[in-house]
Structure formats: structure tokens, C-alpha cells
């Protein structure tokens, strides 16, 4: 993947589609768990929800999601208690009005990620990339630029 760039035509960074695919997986998990109230379409977000969320559910690997559900949705490492701080660029985004997972608990892990940007987006629930699209994309693009710089010049 090349450098993240801001596309003047549609305002999306070049890596935006990758991020959306990641979000589709996360949202598919939540939908699979029956936590679908956050994605209730309204007039403002119906098309993005239909195109990004519902299409992801249709493409979801049901066997994988079932294994994930059976194992309690754990990460492959303990995000809450790392042996040593993660010293790479990190982006933690939460929605202030997220009724599914909330936003406050995410702050508890910030000390494990000294190079993290932590943002709580107002007027956003659990589908940040739809509810606060421009801000979400700017934050993700800035994080990708830091990741790329880190790769060029590791500290």
C-alpha cells in the first residue's frame, strides 16, 4: 500500500477502504452477537449502513465468527495488561454515544500505549466511520502517516 493520501475528489484517504473493511468485521461481530441496535438505519445513514455494514454481514465467515464467539471475543494479547508498553503509533477511537461498548473503559488502557492518539468522537455511537466520517478518516489517515514514518525511521 502506498502512502496514505487525502483524495481531493471524495475526501477519503487511500487506506480508507482497508479501514472500512476492518470496521465491517468488527461490526459483523457485534451484529452476530445480537448487538445490532447501534446500526439502526435512519435517513442520514441508511446508504452507508446498507453498503458497509449489511454487505459485511453477508460476506462474514460464519465459522470464524462462531469460533470467536465461543472463545469470548478475546484478543491475541492482553490489551489491558501488557508486559511492557507498546511503543508504536496507536489509534484508539470511541464514540461518545456508543450504547454497545461505551467509551470510558477504553481510557483505562492508555498508559500501555504511550504513542497513542485517543479520541472520543461526539455525535457518534458504534459506527464512527459513518456517523463522523470526515473526522474518522482524518484521524485514521494521520495514524497511517505515523505508522509509515515509524517504518521509515524506527525509534
Protein backbone atom coordinates (compact mmCIF):
# COMPACT_ATOMS: atom_id res chain seq x y z
CA UNK A 1 0.00 0.00 0.00
CA UNK A 2 1.32 3.43 -0.84
CA UNK A 3 1.41 6.45 1.42
CA UNK A 4 -1.95 7.45 2.79
CA UNK A 5 -3.14 10.41 0.82
CA UNK A 6 -6.14 12.63 1.04
CA UNK A 7 -8.15 12.30 -2.16
CA UNK A 8 -9.38 15.76 -3.11
CA UNK A 9 -12.23 14.34 -5.18
CA UNK A 10 -14.01 12.35 -2.49
CA UNK A 11 -12.15 13.29 0.69
CA UNK A 12 -11.08 9.74 1.54
CA UNK A 13 -7.53 8.71 2.33
CA UNK A 14 -6.19 5.91 0.15
CA UNK A 15 -6.26 3.48 3.06
CA UNK A 16 -9.85 4.33 3.96
CA UNK A 17 -11.29 1.24 2.28
CA UNK A 18 -9.00 -1.02 4.33
CA UNK A 19 -10.22 0.66 7.49
CA UNK A 20 -13.82 0.24 6.43
CA UNK A 21 -13.21 -3.47 5.84
CA UNK A 22 -11.77 -3.79 9.35
CA UNK A 23 -14.77 -1.94 10.76
CA UNK A 24 -17.10 -4.24 8.81
CA UNK A 25 -15.52 -7.23 10.54
CA UNK A 26 -15.92 -5.61 13.96
CA UNK A 27 -19.49 -4.59 13.24
CA UNK A 28 -20.28 -8.02 11.83
CA UNK A 29 -19.12 -9.48 15.12
CA UNK A 30 -21.44 -7.20 17.03
CA UNK A 31 -24.32 -7.98 14.71
CA UNK A 32 -23.57 -11.67 15.10
CA UNK A 33 -23.75 -11.22 18.88
CA UNK A 34 -27.16 -9.62 18.53
CA UNK A 35 -25.90 -6.13 19.40
CA UNK A 36 -27.42 -4.50 16.37
CA UNK A 37 -29.21 -1.56 17.96
CA UNK A 38 -26.28 0.75 17.20
CA UNK A 39 -26.69 0.22 13.47
CA UNK A 40 -30.35 1.15 13.25
CA UNK A 41 -30.54 2.95 9.94
CA UNK A 42 -32.03 6.38 9.70
CA UNK A 43 -32.47 8.77 6.78
CA UNK A 44 -28.97 10.20 7.23
CA UNK A 45 -27.04 6.95 7.38
CA UNK A 46 -29.16 4.35 5.57
CA UNK A 47 -27.00 4.04 2.43
CA UNK A 48 -23.64 3.75 4.26
CA UNK A 49 -25.14 1.27 6.75
CA UNK A 50 -26.57 -0.77 3.88
CA UNK A 51 -23.39 -0.63 1.80
CA UNK A 52 -20.79 -1.06 4.54
CA UNK A 53 -22.46 -2.90 7.41
CA UNK A 54 -25.08 -5.16 5.90
CA UNK A 55 -22.83 -6.15 2.99
CA UNK A 56 -20.16 -7.12 5.54
CA UNK A 57 -22.62 -9.32 7.37
CA UNK A 58 -23.41 -11.12 4.12
CA UNK A 59 -19.69 -11.69 3.45
CA UNK A 60 -18.84 -12.71 7.02
CA UNK A 61 -17.16 -16.04 7.66
CA UNK A 62 -19.78 -17.63 9.92
CA UNK A 63 -17.49 -20.45 11.08
CA UNK A 64 -14.80 -17.95 12.11
CA UNK A 65 -17.32 -15.75 13.91
CA UNK A 66 -18.73 -18.76 15.75
CA UNK A 67 -15.22 -19.76 16.94
CA UNK A 68 -14.59 -16.18 18.02
CA UNK A 69 -17.89 -16.08 19.88
CA UNK A 70 -17.19 -19.41 21.59
CA UNK A 71 -13.83 -18.09 22.83
CA UNK A 72 -15.27 -14.90 24.31
CA UNK A 73 -14.09 -12.34 21.75
CA UNK A 74 -10.61 -12.22 23.20
CA UNK A 75 -7.62 -10.52 21.62
CA UNK A 76 -4.47 -12.44 20.75
CA UNK A 77 -2.65 -10.50 23.51
CA UNK A 78 -3.74 -8.92 26.80
CA UNK A 79 -4.58 -5.33 25.81
CA UNK A 80 -5.33 -4.40 29.43
CA UNK A 81 -2.03 -5.51 30.95
CA UNK A 82 0.97 -5.61 28.65
CA UNK A 83 4.37 -6.81 29.91
CA UNK A 84 5.83 -3.58 28.59
CA UNK A 85 4.23 -0.55 26.91
CA UNK A 86 3.53 -0.76 23.18
CA UNK A 87 5.87 1.89 21.77
CA UNK A 88 4.43 2.17 18.25
CA UNK A 89 1.84 4.57 16.82
CA UNK A 90 -1.61 3.60 18.06
CA UNK A 91 -5.06 4.98 17.42
CA UNK A 92 -7.92 4.43 19.86
CA UNK A 93 -11.25 5.77 18.62
CA UNK A 94 -14.50 5.63 20.55
CA UNK A 95 -17.97 7.07 20.13
CA UNK A 96 -19.32 9.24 22.95
CA UNK A 97 -22.83 7.90 22.40
CA UNK A 98 -21.79 4.24 21.94
CA UNK A 99 -24.51 2.22 23.67
CA UNK A 100 -22.89 -1.09 22.67
CA UNK A 101 -19.46 -0.98 24.32
CA UNK A 102 -19.29 2.54 25.72
CA UNK A 103 -16.22 4.73 25.63
CA UNK A 104 -14.94 5.19 29.19
CA UNK A 105 -13.33 1.76 29.68
CA UNK A 106 -11.04 2.33 26.70
CA UNK A 107 -9.26 5.09 28.64
CA UNK A 108 -8.09 2.51 31.22
CA UNK A 109 -5.50 1.10 28.79
CA UNK A 110 -3.96 4.39 27.61
CA UNK A 111 -0.80 4.02 29.72
CA UNK A 112 0.01 0.79 27.87
CA UNK A 113 0.21 2.80 24.62
CA UNK A 114 2.42 5.87 25.17
CA UNK A 115 2.30 6.83 21.46
CA UNK A 116 -1.48 6.56 21.21
CA UNK A 117 -3.93 9.13 19.98
CA UNK A 118 -7.11 8.69 21.98
CA UNK A 119 -10.24 10.34 20.63
CA UNK A 120 -13.82 10.25 21.84
CA UNK A 121 -15.99 11.43 18.96
CA UNK A 122 -19.16 13.27 19.87
CA UNK A 123 -22.29 12.63 17.80
CA UNK A 124 -21.08 9.07 17.20
CA UNK A 125 -22.09 5.72 18.56
CA UNK A 126 -20.59 2.44 17.41
CA UNK A 127 -20.30 3.16 13.67
CA UNK A 128 -17.79 6.00 13.76
CA UNK A 129 -16.82 5.71 10.10
CA UNK A 130 -20.41 6.54 9.16
CA UNK A 131 -21.52 8.87 11.96
CA UNK A 132 -18.37 11.05 11.93
CA UNK A 133 -16.94 10.11 8.53
CA UNK A 134 -14.67 13.09 7.89
CA UNK A 135 -13.16 13.18 11.38
CA UNK A 136 -12.77 9.39 11.43
CA UNK A 137 -10.93 9.41 8.09
CA UNK A 138 -8.66 12.29 9.10
CA UNK A 139 -7.66 10.54 12.33
CA UNK A 140 -7.04 7.24 10.55
CA UNK A 141 -5.00 8.94 7.81
CA UNK A 142 -2.89 10.78 10.39
CA UNK A 143 -2.28 7.48 12.23
CA UNK A 144 -1.29 5.74 8.99
CA UNK A 145 1.17 8.56 8.29
CA UNK A 146 2.74 7.97 11.72
CA UNK A 147 2.91 4.22 11.05
CA UNK A 148 4.62 4.84 7.72
CA UNK A 149 7.09 7.29 9.31
CA UNK A 150 7.83 4.73 12.02
CA UNK A 151 8.58 2.13 9.37
CA UNK A 152 10.97 4.54 7.61
CA UNK A 153 12.69 5.78 10.75
CA UNK A 154 12.19 3.33 13.65
CA UNK A 155 12.88 4.89 17.03
